[in-house]
Amino acid sequence: MRSITARTRFALVVLASVIVAAGAITTGTALGEEEEKKPVREKGKDSRKKDTGKKEKEKSSKKKDATAREKYAIVTIGETTRVVKASELAGIRQEIVKKYRADLKAWQDAGKEARKAKQKFTQPKPARTLFKVVATNFSTEDAAKKRMEQIAAKEKDAESKSKPKSKRDRKGKPAPEKEDDGEGEDDGRQA
């Protein structure tokens, strides 16, 4: 067996120190320092959940604040505009949809009965009720009513301006009358 020379011993020491340094780099510790041992998590316990009682109290107080600070919305249903609570919007929409479906089903059943009796069915299909959210996020009902009045005033003003008072155009000149022979000839437009 051969004996280890000084040169080989030196190479082994260097190699060992390189291996130790590489281990320190991968673990993030410096040479000579020991790693901090992390405590082992006990089974069944989640270390992330601490003081859940405080969070539950905060959530319940937020819910109370939310109910105390009810928001309002302006809604157009059919021909009427009114102020409702924002929390009631979904319920109102569902009621309108249910009513339309019931009307549509009744119309379809009446059509089937007319076909069975071999009669002409002329009843028109039920129209959907208009449901439009005009504005939302009002903190008080009074603020919503005030804004609803402003919107109604603007619409009324716009209607009065858009309707001509006589057969004159906007510049005050009489509106040109269209001449129609009733023959359906080409009026010069390209299709």
N, C-alpha and C. Protein backbone atom coordinates (compact mmCIF):
# COMPACT_ATOMS: atom_id res chain seq x y z
N MET A 1 0.81 -1.17 0.00
CA MET A 1 0.00 0.00 0.00
C MET A 1 0.86 1.23 0.00
N ARG A 2 0.39 2.16 -0.68
CA ARG A 2 1.15 3.39 -0.79
C ARG A 2 0.86 4.31 0.38
N SER A 3 1.77 5.13 0.66
CA SER A 3 1.57 6.11 1.72
C SER A 3 1.09 7.41 1.10
N ILE A 4 0.34 8.18 1.87
CA ILE A 4 -0.23 9.42 1.39
C ILE A 4 0.84 10.50 1.51
N THR A 5 1.07 11.14 0.43
CA THR A 5 2.07 12.19 0.42
C THR A 5 1.47 13.49 0.92
N ALA A 6 2.31 14.43 1.16
CA ALA A 6 1.88 15.74 1.66
C ALA A 6 1.00 16.44 0.64
N ARG A 7 1.37 16.24 -0.61
CA ARG A 7 0.60 16.88 -1.68
C ARG A 7 -0.83 16.30 -1.72
N THR A 8 -0.99 15.03 -1.57
CA THR A 8 -2.30 14.39 -1.61
C THR A 8 -3.12 14.81 -0.39
N ARG A 9 -2.46 14.89 0.77
CA ARG A 9 -3.16 15.36 1.97
C ARG A 9 -3.68 16.75 1.79
N PHE A 10 -2.90 17.61 1.22
CA PHE A 10 -3.30 18.99 0.97
C PHE A 10 -4.50 19.03 0.03
N ALA A 11 -4.45 18.20 -1.00
CA ALA A 11 -5.56 18.16 -1.96
C ALA A 11 -6.84 17.69 -1.28
N LEU A 12 -6.74 16.72 -0.40
CA LEU A 12 -7.93 16.24 0.32
C LEU A 12 -8.50 17.32 1.25
N VAL A 13 -7.64 18.04 1.92
CA VAL A 13 -8.09 19.12 2.82
C VAL A 13 -8.80 20.20 2.02
N VAL A 14 -8.22 20.57 0.89
CA VAL A 14 -8.84 21.60 0.04
C VAL A 14 -10.18 21.11 -0.47
N LEU A 15 -10.23 19.86 -0.90
CA LEU A 15 -11.46 19.29 -1.41
C LEU A 15 -12.53 19.26 -0.31
N ALA A 16 -12.16 18.90 0.88
CA ALA A 16 -13.10 18.86 2.00
C ALA A 16 -13.62 20.26 2.33
N SER A 17 -12.73 21.27 2.29
CA SER A 17 -13.17 22.63 2.59
C SER A 17 -14.10 23.17 1.50
N VAL A 18 -13.86 22.77 0.24
CA VAL A 18 -14.74 23.18 -0.85
C VAL A 18 -16.12 22.57 -0.68
N ILE A 19 -16.15 21.30 -0.27
CA ILE A 19 -17.44 20.63 -0.06
C ILE A 19 -18.20 21.29 1.08
N VAL A 20 -17.52 21.63 2.15
CA VAL A 20 -18.16 22.28 3.29
C VAL A 20 -18.67 23.66 2.88
N ALA A 21 -17.87 24.39 2.10
CA ALA A 21 -18.29 25.72 1.65
C ALA A 21 -19.50 25.62 0.73
N ALA A 22 -19.52 24.63 -0.15
CA ALA A 22 -20.67 24.44 -1.04
C ALA A 22 -21.92 24.13 -0.24
N GLY A 23 -21.78 23.35 0.79
CA GLY A 23 -22.92 23.05 1.65
C GLY A 23 -23.41 24.27 2.37
N ALA A 24 -22.48 25.13 2.78
CA ALA A 24 -22.85 26.37 3.46
C ALA A 24 -23.56 27.32 2.52
N ILE A 25 -23.15 27.34 1.26
CA ILE A 25 -23.78 28.22 0.28
C ILE A 25 -25.22 27.77 0.02
N THR A 26 -25.39 26.48 -0.14
CA THR A 26 -26.75 26.00 -0.44
C THR A 26 -27.68 26.15 0.75
N THR A 27 -27.15 26.07 1.99
CA THR A 27 -28.01 26.24 3.16
C THR A 27 -28.10 27.68 3.59
N GLY A 28 -27.26 28.54 3.08
CA GLY A 28 -27.33 29.95 3.40
C GLY A 28 -26.61 30.33 4.68
N THR A 29 -25.76 29.49 5.20
CA THR A 29 -25.03 29.80 6.43
C THR A 29 -23.57 30.04 6.09
N ALA A 30 -22.91 30.81 6.89
CA ALA A 30 -21.49 31.05 6.69
C ALA A 30 -20.68 29.94 7.37
N LEU A 31 -19.42 29.87 7.03
CA LEU A 31 -18.56 28.85 7.63
C LEU A 31 -18.45 29.10 9.13
N GLY A 32 -18.55 28.08 9.88
CA GLY A 32 -18.40 28.21 11.32
C GLY A 32 -19.72 28.51 12.02
N GLU A 33 -20.76 28.91 11.32
CA GLU A 33 -22.04 29.17 11.95
C GLU A 33 -22.91 27.94 11.86
N GLU A 34 -23.72 27.74 12.85
CA GLU A 34 -24.63 26.61 12.83
C GLU A 34 -25.99 27.08 12.33
N GLU A 35 -26.67 26.19 11.67
CA GLU A 35 -28.01 26.51 11.20
C GLU A 35 -28.97 26.58 12.37
N GLU A 36 -29.94 27.51 12.25
CA GLU A 36 -30.99 27.54 13.26
C GLU A 36 -31.96 26.42 12.96
N LYS A 37 -32.27 25.68 13.96
CA LYS A 37 -33.20 24.58 13.75
C LYS A 37 -34.62 25.11 13.91
N LYS A 38 -35.43 24.85 12.88
CA LYS A 38 -36.81 25.28 12.92
C LYS A 38 -37.61 24.28 13.74
N PRO A 39 -38.54 24.79 14.54
CA PRO A 39 -39.33 23.84 15.34
C PRO A 39 -40.21 22.99 14.43
N VAL A 40 -40.34 21.78 14.79
CA VAL A 40 -41.16 20.85 14.02
C VAL A 40 -42.62 21.14 14.34
N ARG A 41 -43.42 21.23 13.27
CA ARG A 41 -44.83 21.53 13.44
C ARG A 41 -45.55 20.31 13.99
N GLU A 42 -46.41 20.57 14.96
CA GLU A 42 -47.17 19.48 15.54
C GLU A 42 -48.29 19.11 14.59
N LYS A 43 -48.65 17.86 14.58
CA LYS A 43 -49.70 17.40 13.71
C LYS A 43 -51.04 17.96 14.19
N GLY A 44 -51.86 18.37 13.20
CA GLY A 44 -53.21 18.83 13.53
C GLY A 44 -53.29 20.32 13.83
N LYS A 45 -52.17 20.98 13.97
CA LYS A 45 -52.20 22.41 14.26
C LYS A 45 -51.64 23.17 13.07
N ASP A 46 -52.30 24.24 12.73
CA ASP A 46 -51.83 25.08 11.64
C ASP A 46 -51.15 26.29 12.25
N SER A 47 -49.87 26.44 11.97
CA SER A 47 -49.10 27.51 12.58
C SER A 47 -49.49 28.88 12.05
N ARG A 48 -50.18 28.93 10.91
CA ARG A 48 -50.56 30.21 10.33
C ARG A 48 -51.74 30.85 11.05
N LYS A 49 -52.57 30.04 11.66
CA LYS A 49 -53.76 30.58 12.32
C LYS A 49 -53.41 30.94 13.76
N LYS A 50 -53.38 32.22 14.01
CA LYS A 50 -53.12 32.71 15.35
C LYS A 50 -54.16 33.77 15.68
N ASP A 51 -54.68 33.76 16.84
CA ASP A 51 -55.67 34.74 17.31
C ASP A 51 -56.82 34.90 16.33
N THR A 52 -57.50 33.83 16.04
CA THR A 52 -58.64 33.92 15.12
C THR A 52 -59.80 34.66 15.76
N GLY A 53 -59.82 34.74 17.05
CA GLY A 53 -60.89 35.44 17.75
C GLY A 53 -60.96 36.91 17.36
N LYS A 54 -59.81 37.56 17.21
CA LYS A 54 -59.77 38.97 16.82
C LYS A 54 -60.33 39.17 15.42
N LYS A 55 -59.94 38.28 14.50
CA LYS A 55 -60.39 38.42 13.13
C LYS A 55 -61.89 38.21 13.03
N GLU A 56 -62.43 37.25 13.78
CA GLU A 56 -63.86 37.00 13.75
C GLU A 56 -64.63 38.20 14.28
N LYS A 57 -64.09 38.84 15.33
CA LYS A 57 -64.74 40.02 15.88
C LYS A 57 -64.73 41.16 14.86
N GLU A 58 -63.63 41.32 14.14
CA GLU A 58 -63.55 42.37 13.13
C GLU A 58 -64.53 42.11 11.99
N LYS A 59 -64.66 40.85 11.55
CA LYS A 59 -65.58 40.52 10.48
C LYS A 59 -67.01 40.79 10.89
N SER A 60 -67.38 40.43 12.12
CA SER A 60 -68.75 40.65 12.56
C SER A 60 -69.05 42.14 12.69
N SER A 61 -68.06 42.93 13.12
CA SER A 61 -68.29 44.37 13.23
C SER A 61 -68.41 45.01 11.85
N LYS A 62 -67.68 44.47 10.84
CA LYS A 62 -67.79 44.98 9.48
C LYS A 62 -69.17 44.69 8.92
N LYS A 63 -69.72 43.50 9.23
CA LYS A 63 -71.06 43.17 8.76
C LYS A 63 -72.09 44.11 9.37
N LYS A 64 -71.93 44.42 10.64
CA LYS A 64 -72.86 45.35 11.29
C LYS A 64 -72.76 46.73 10.65
N ASP A 65 -71.55 47.17 10.35
CA ASP A 65 -71.37 48.47 9.71
C ASP A 65 -71.99 48.49 8.33
N ALA A 66 -71.87 47.38 7.60
CA ALA A 66 -72.42 47.30 6.25
C ALA A 66 -73.94 47.42 6.28
N THR A 67 -74.58 46.78 7.25
CA THR A 67 -76.03 46.88 7.33
C THR A 67 -76.45 48.26 7.78
N ALA A 68 -75.63 48.90 8.62
CA ALA A 68 -75.95 50.25 9.06
C ALA A 68 -75.78 51.25 7.92
N ARG A 69 -74.84 50.99 7.02
CA ARG A 69 -74.59 51.88 5.90
C ARG A 69 -75.22 51.30 4.63
N GLU A 70 -76.51 51.20 4.60
CA GLU A 70 -77.22 50.65 3.44
C GLU A 70 -77.10 51.63 2.28
N LYS A 71 -76.85 51.10 1.09
CA LYS A 71 -76.74 51.91 -0.12
C LYS A 71 -78.07 51.88 -0.87
N TYR A 72 -78.31 52.91 -1.66
CA TYR A 72 -79.56 53.03 -2.41
C TYR A 72 -79.25 53.17 -3.90
N ALA A 73 -80.23 52.83 -4.72
CA ALA A 73 -80.07 52.89 -6.16
C ALA A 73 -81.34 53.45 -6.79
N ILE A 74 -81.18 54.06 -7.97
CA ILE A 74 -82.31 54.55 -8.75
C ILE A 74 -82.55 53.53 -9.85
N VAL A 75 -83.81 53.06 -9.94
CA VAL A 75 -84.15 51.98 -10.87
C VAL A 75 -85.36 52.39 -11.70
N THR A 76 -85.32 52.05 -13.00
CA THR A 76 -86.48 52.23 -13.86
C THR A 76 -87.07 50.86 -14.12
N ILE A 77 -88.34 50.70 -13.73
CA ILE A 77 -89.06 49.45 -13.94
C ILE A 77 -90.28 49.78 -14.77
N GLY A 78 -90.28 49.30 -16.01
CA GLY A 78 -91.38 49.63 -16.92
C GLY A 78 -91.35 51.12 -17.23
N GLU A 79 -92.40 51.83 -16.85
CA GLU A 79 -92.49 53.27 -17.09
C GLU A 79 -92.18 54.09 -15.84
N THR A 80 -91.99 53.45 -14.70
CA THR A 80 -91.79 54.18 -13.45
C THR A 80 -90.32 54.14 -13.03
N THR A 81 -89.91 55.20 -12.38
CA THR A 81 -88.56 55.29 -11.83
C THR A 81 -88.71 55.46 -10.33
N ARG A 82 -87.94 54.67 -9.58
CA ARG A 82 -88.06 54.76 -8.13
C ARG A 82 -86.72 54.47 -7.46
N VAL A 83 -86.65 54.75 -6.15
CA VAL A 83 -85.45 54.52 -5.36
C VAL A 83 -85.66 53.24 -4.56
N VAL A 84 -84.67 52.34 -4.62
CA VAL A 84 -84.73 51.10 -3.86
C VAL A 84 -83.39 50.87 -3.17
N LYS A 85 -83.39 49.97 -2.20
CA LYS A 85 -82.13 49.60 -1.53
C LYS A 85 -81.31 48.76 -2.51
N ALA A 86 -80.02 48.96 -2.49
CA ALA A 86 -79.12 48.24 -3.41
C ALA A 86 -79.17 46.74 -3.15
N SER A 87 -79.42 46.34 -1.92
CA SER A 87 -79.48 44.92 -1.60
C SER A 87 -80.73 44.26 -2.17
N GLU A 88 -81.75 45.04 -2.54
CA GLU A 88 -83.00 44.50 -3.08
C GLU A 88 -82.98 44.39 -4.60
N LEU A 89 -81.95 44.88 -5.27
CA LEU A 89 -81.91 44.87 -6.74
C LEU A 89 -82.03 43.47 -7.32
N ALA A 90 -81.30 42.53 -6.78
CA ALA A 90 -81.33 41.17 -7.31
C ALA A 90 -82.71 40.55 -7.15
N GLY A 91 -83.34 40.80 -6.02
CA GLY A 91 -84.68 40.27 -5.78
C GLY A 91 -85.71 40.84 -6.74
N ILE A 92 -85.63 42.13 -6.99
CA ILE A 92 -86.56 42.78 -7.93
C ILE A 92 -86.35 42.22 -9.33
N ARG A 93 -85.11 42.08 -9.72
CA ARG A 93 -84.81 41.53 -11.05
C ARG A 93 -85.36 40.12 -11.19
N GLN A 94 -85.21 39.30 -10.16
CA GLN A 94 -85.73 37.94 -10.21
C GLN A 94 -87.25 37.92 -10.30
N GLU A 95 -87.92 38.82 -9.58
CA GLU A 95 -89.38 38.89 -9.64
C GLU A 95 -89.84 39.23 -11.06
N ILE A 96 -89.17 40.16 -11.70
CA ILE A 96 -89.54 40.56 -13.06
C ILE A 96 -89.34 39.39 -14.03
N VAL A 97 -88.23 38.67 -13.88
CA VAL A 97 -87.96 37.53 -14.75
C VAL A 97 -89.00 36.43 -14.52
N LYS A 98 -89.35 36.16 -13.26
CA LYS A 98 -90.36 35.14 -12.96
C LYS A 98 -91.71 35.52 -13.58
N LYS A 99 -92.08 36.79 -13.45
CA LYS A 99 -93.36 37.25 -14.00
C LYS A 99 -93.37 37.10 -15.52
N TYR A 100 -92.27 37.44 -16.18
CA TYR A 100 -92.19 37.32 -17.63
C TYR A 100 -92.29 35.85 -18.05
N ARG A 101 -91.59 34.98 -17.36
CA ARG A 101 -91.63 33.56 -17.70
C ARG A 101 -93.04 32.99 -17.54
N ALA A 102 -93.74 33.42 -16.48
CA ALA A 102 -95.11 32.95 -16.26
C ALA A 102 -96.01 33.44 -17.39
N ASP A 103 -95.87 34.73 -17.78
CA ASP A 103 -96.67 35.28 -18.87
C ASP A 103 -96.37 34.56 -20.19
N LEU A 104 -95.09 34.28 -20.44
CA LEU A 104 -94.69 33.61 -21.67
C LEU A 104 -95.25 32.18 -21.71
N LYS A 105 -95.22 31.50 -20.58
CA LYS A 105 -95.75 30.14 -20.53
C LYS A 105 -97.25 30.15 -20.78
N ALA A 106 -97.96 31.11 -20.19
CA ALA A 106 -99.41 31.22 -20.41
C ALA A 106 -99.70 31.50 -21.89
N TRP A 107 -98.89 32.34 -22.51
CA TRP A 107 -99.08 32.68 -23.93
C TRP A 107 -98.85 31.44 -24.80
N GLN A 108 -97.80 30.68 -24.47
CA GLN A 108 -97.51 29.46 -25.24
C GLN A 108 -98.63 28.42 -25.08
N ASP A 109 -99.13 28.29 -23.85
CA ASP A 109 -100.24 27.35 -23.62
C ASP A 109 -101.49 27.77 -24.38
N ALA A 110 -101.78 29.07 -24.41
CA ALA A 110 -102.95 29.56 -25.15
C ALA A 110 -102.76 29.30 -26.65
N GLY A 111 -101.55 29.43 -27.14
CA GLY A 111 -101.27 29.14 -28.55
C GLY A 111 -101.47 27.67 -28.87
N LYS A 112 -101.04 26.80 -27.97
CA LYS A 112 -101.23 25.36 -28.18
C LYS A 112 -102.71 25.00 -28.21
N GLU A 113 -103.46 25.61 -27.29
CA GLU A 113 -104.90 25.35 -27.23
C GLU A 113 -105.59 25.82 -28.52
N ALA A 114 -105.17 26.96 -29.03
CA ALA A 114 -105.76 27.49 -30.26
C ALA A 114 -105.43 26.57 -31.44
N ARG A 115 -104.23 26.04 -31.49
CA ARG A 115 -103.86 25.13 -32.57
C ARG A 115 -104.65 23.82 -32.49
N LYS A 116 -104.86 23.35 -31.27
CA LYS A 116 -105.64 22.12 -31.11
C LYS A 116 -107.09 22.33 -31.56
N ALA A 117 -107.62 23.51 -31.26
CA ALA A 117 -109.01 23.82 -31.65
C ALA A 117 -109.08 24.30 -33.09
N LYS A 118 -107.93 24.37 -33.75
CA LYS A 118 -107.81 24.83 -35.14
C LYS A 118 -108.40 26.23 -35.32
N GLN A 119 -108.04 27.10 -34.38
CA GLN A 119 -108.45 28.50 -34.45
C GLN A 119 -107.20 29.36 -34.69
N LYS A 120 -107.45 30.56 -35.18
CA LYS A 120 -106.34 31.48 -35.44
C LYS A 120 -105.95 32.13 -34.11
N PHE A 121 -104.65 32.13 -33.83
CA PHE A 121 -104.14 32.70 -32.57
C PHE A 121 -103.49 34.04 -32.88
N THR A 122 -104.10 35.11 -32.42
CA THR A 122 -103.61 36.46 -32.74
C THR A 122 -103.09 37.22 -31.53
N GLN A 123 -103.06 36.59 -30.40
CA GLN A 123 -102.59 37.27 -29.18
C GLN A 123 -101.09 37.55 -29.31
N PRO A 124 -100.64 38.79 -29.06
CA PRO A 124 -99.21 39.10 -29.21
C PRO A 124 -98.39 38.47 -28.07
N LYS A 125 -97.14 38.22 -28.38
CA LYS A 125 -96.21 37.67 -27.39
C LYS A 125 -96.01 38.70 -26.28
N PRO A 126 -95.97 38.28 -25.02
CA PRO A 126 -95.79 39.25 -23.94
C PRO A 126 -94.42 39.94 -24.04
N ALA A 127 -94.44 41.22 -23.78
CA ALA A 127 -93.20 41.99 -23.85
C ALA A 127 -92.47 41.91 -22.51
N ARG A 128 -91.17 41.97 -22.59
CA ARG A 128 -90.37 41.99 -21.36
C ARG A 128 -90.53 43.34 -20.69
N THR A 129 -90.54 43.33 -19.36
CA THR A 129 -90.61 44.56 -18.60
C THR A 129 -89.23 45.18 -18.54
N LEU A 130 -89.15 46.47 -18.79
CA LEU A 130 -87.87 47.17 -18.74
C LEU A 130 -87.38 47.23 -17.31
N PHE A 131 -86.15 46.82 -17.09
CA PHE A 131 -85.50 46.93 -15.79
C PHE A 131 -84.13 47.53 -16.02
N LYS A 132 -83.97 48.76 -15.57
CA LYS A 132 -82.71 49.46 -15.81
C LYS A 132 -82.25 50.13 -14.52
N VAL A 133 -81.01 49.87 -14.14
CA VAL A 133 -80.42 50.55 -12.99
C VAL A 133 -79.83 51.85 -13.51
N VAL A 134 -80.43 52.97 -13.10
CA VAL A 134 -80.01 54.27 -13.60
C VAL A 134 -78.76 54.75 -12.88
N ALA A 135 -78.76 54.66 -11.55
CA ALA A 135 -77.61 55.11 -10.76
C ALA A 135 -77.58 54.32 -9.46
N THR A 136 -76.39 54.12 -8.92
CA THR A 136 -76.24 53.35 -7.68
C THR A 136 -75.32 54.06 -6.71
N ASN A 137 -75.17 53.43 -5.55
CA ASN A 137 -74.19 53.83 -4.53
C ASN A 137 -74.52 55.15 -3.85
N PHE A 138 -75.79 55.39 -3.56
CA PHE A 138 -76.18 56.57 -2.79
C PHE A 138 -76.21 56.18 -1.32
N SER A 139 -75.65 57.04 -0.47
CA SER A 139 -75.57 56.70 0.95
C SER A 139 -76.89 56.90 1.67
N THR A 140 -77.73 57.83 1.19
CA THR A 140 -79.03 58.05 1.82
C THR A 140 -80.13 58.02 0.78
N GLU A 141 -81.32 57.74 1.26
CA GLU A 141 -82.47 57.68 0.36
C GLU A 141 -82.80 59.09 -0.17
N ASP A 142 -82.61 60.10 0.67
CA ASP A 142 -82.88 61.47 0.25
C ASP A 142 -81.96 61.91 -0.89
N ALA A 143 -80.68 61.53 -0.81
CA ALA A 143 -79.73 61.87 -1.88
C ALA A 143 -80.14 61.19 -3.19
N ALA A 144 -80.61 59.96 -3.09
CA ALA A 144 -81.03 59.24 -4.29
C ALA A 144 -82.28 59.89 -4.90
N LYS A 145 -83.23 60.29 -4.04
CA LYS A 145 -84.44 60.95 -4.54
C LYS A 145 -84.11 62.28 -5.20
N LYS A 146 -83.17 63.02 -4.62
CA LYS A 146 -82.77 64.30 -5.19
C LYS A 146 -82.15 64.10 -6.58
N ARG A 147 -81.29 63.10 -6.70
CA ARG A 147 -80.66 62.81 -8.00
C ARG A 147 -81.70 62.31 -9.01
N MET A 148 -82.69 61.55 -8.55
CA MET A 148 -83.75 61.06 -9.43
C MET A 148 -84.54 62.24 -10.00
N GLU A 149 -84.82 63.24 -9.17
CA GLU A 149 -85.52 64.43 -9.63
C GLU A 149 -84.69 65.20 -10.66
N GLN A 150 -83.39 65.28 -10.44
CA GLN A 150 -82.51 65.96 -11.40
C GLN A 150 -82.51 65.24 -12.75
N ILE A 151 -82.44 63.93 -12.71
CA ILE A 151 -82.45 63.15 -13.96
C ILE A 151 -83.77 63.32 -14.68
N ALA A 152 -84.88 63.30 -13.93
CA ALA A 152 -86.21 63.48 -14.54
C ALA A 152 -86.33 64.86 -15.17
N ALA A 153 -85.78 65.88 -14.52
CA ALA A 153 -85.83 67.23 -15.06
C ALA A 153 -85.01 67.32 -16.36
N LYS A 154 -83.85 66.68 -16.40
CA LYS A 154 -83.03 66.69 -17.62
C LYS A 154 -83.73 65.99 -18.76
N GLU A 155 -84.37 64.85 -18.47
CA GLU A 155 -85.08 64.11 -19.51
C GLU A 155 -86.25 64.92 -20.05
N LYS A 156 -86.97 65.58 -19.16
CA LYS A 156 -88.12 66.39 -19.57
C LYS A 156 -87.65 67.56 -20.42
N ASP A 157 -86.54 68.19 -20.03
CA ASP A 157 -85.99 69.30 -20.78
C ASP A 157 -85.51 68.84 -22.16
N ALA A 158 -84.88 67.66 -22.21
CA ALA A 158 -84.39 67.12 -23.49
C ALA A 158 -85.56 66.79 -24.41
N GLU A 159 -86.67 66.29 -23.86
CA GLU A 159 -87.85 65.98 -24.67
C GLU A 159 -88.45 67.24 -25.28
N SER A 160 -88.52 68.29 -24.48
CA SER A 160 -89.13 69.52 -24.98
C SER A 160 -88.27 70.16 -26.07
N LYS A 161 -86.95 70.01 -25.97
CA LYS A 161 -86.07 70.58 -26.99
C LYS A 161 -86.07 69.75 -28.27
N SER A 162 -86.23 68.45 -28.14
CA SER A 162 -86.15 67.59 -29.32
C SER A 162 -87.43 67.60 -30.15
N LYS A 163 -88.56 67.91 -29.56
CA LYS A 163 -89.82 67.92 -30.30
C LYS A 163 -89.98 69.25 -31.04
N PRO A 164 -90.18 69.20 -32.34
CA PRO A 164 -90.41 70.46 -33.05
C PRO A 164 -91.82 70.97 -32.73
N LYS A 165 -91.92 72.29 -32.54
CA LYS A 165 -93.21 72.88 -32.19
C LYS A 165 -94.11 73.03 -33.41
N SER A 166 -93.50 73.11 -34.56
CA SER A 166 -94.29 73.22 -35.78
C SER A 166 -93.58 72.43 -36.87
N LYS A 167 -94.05 72.59 -38.08
CA LYS A 167 -93.43 71.87 -39.19
C LYS A 167 -92.24 72.64 -39.74
N ARG A 168 -91.48 73.20 -38.88
CA ARG A 168 -90.30 73.95 -39.28
C ARG A 168 -89.08 73.22 -38.71
N ASP A 169 -87.99 73.30 -39.44
CA ASP A 169 -86.78 72.65 -38.93
C ASP A 169 -86.13 73.53 -37.88
N ARG A 170 -84.98 73.17 -37.42
CA ARG A 170 -84.33 73.89 -36.31
C ARG A 170 -83.93 75.31 -36.68
N LYS A 171 -83.71 75.59 -37.95
CA LYS A 171 -83.28 76.92 -38.35
C LYS A 171 -84.47 77.85 -38.57
N GLY A 172 -85.67 77.32 -38.41
CA GLY A 172 -86.84 78.17 -38.55
C GLY A 172 -87.44 78.13 -39.95
N LYS A 173 -86.82 77.43 -40.86
CA LYS A 173 -87.33 77.33 -42.22
C LYS A 173 -88.36 76.21 -42.28
N PRO A 174 -89.31 76.32 -43.18
CA PRO A 174 -90.28 75.22 -43.31
C PRO A 174 -89.57 73.95 -43.75
N ALA A 175 -90.00 72.84 -43.19
CA ALA A 175 -89.41 71.56 -43.52
C ALA A 175 -89.79 71.16 -44.93
N PRO A 176 -88.83 70.65 -45.71
CA PRO A 176 -89.16 70.25 -47.08
C PRO A 176 -90.12 69.06 -47.07
N GLU A 177 -91.09 69.12 -47.96
CA GLU A 177 -92.05 68.02 -48.04
C GLU A 177 -91.55 66.99 -49.03
N LYS A 178 -91.75 65.73 -48.70
CA LYS A 178 -91.31 64.66 -49.58
C LYS A 178 -92.42 64.37 -50.58
N GLU A 179 -92.02 64.22 -51.81
CA GLU A 179 -92.98 63.87 -52.84
C GLU A 179 -92.85 62.39 -53.13
N ASP A 180 -93.97 61.68 -53.04
CA ASP A 180 -93.95 60.24 -53.27
C ASP A 180 -95.01 59.91 -54.28
N ASP A 181 -94.59 59.32 -55.40
CA ASP A 181 -95.54 58.93 -56.44
C ASP A 181 -96.25 57.64 -56.08
N GLY A 182 -95.65 56.87 -55.18
CA GLY A 182 -96.23 55.60 -54.80
C GLY A 182 -95.89 54.49 -55.74
N GLU A 183 -95.05 54.77 -56.75
CA GLU A 183 -94.70 53.73 -57.72
C GLU A 183 -93.51 52.90 -57.25
N GLY A 184 -92.79 53.32 -56.24
CA GLY A 184 -91.66 52.57 -55.73
C GLY A 184 -90.44 52.67 -56.62
N GLU A 185 -90.29 53.77 -57.37
CA GLU A 185 -89.13 53.92 -58.23
C GLU A 185 -87.90 54.25 -57.41
N ASP A 186 -86.77 54.15 -58.06
CA ASP A 186 -85.50 54.42 -57.40
C ASP A 186 -85.43 55.89 -57.07
N ASP A 187 -85.10 56.21 -55.83
CA ASP A 187 -85.03 57.61 -55.41
C ASP A 187 -83.61 58.15 -55.46
N GLY A 188 -82.72 57.47 -56.18
CA GLY A 188 -81.37 57.98 -56.37
C GLY A 188 -80.37 57.38 -55.40
N ARG A 189 -80.79 56.61 -54.43
CA ARG A 189 -79.87 56.00 -53.48
C ARG A 189 -79.33 54.71 -54.05
N GLN A 190 -78.11 54.42 -53.67
CA GLN A 190 -77.51 53.16 -54.09
C GLN A 190 -77.64 52.14 -52.99
N ALA A 191 -77.99 50.93 -53.35
CA ALA A 191 -78.17 49.90 -52.33
C ALA A 191 -76.92 49.08 -52.14
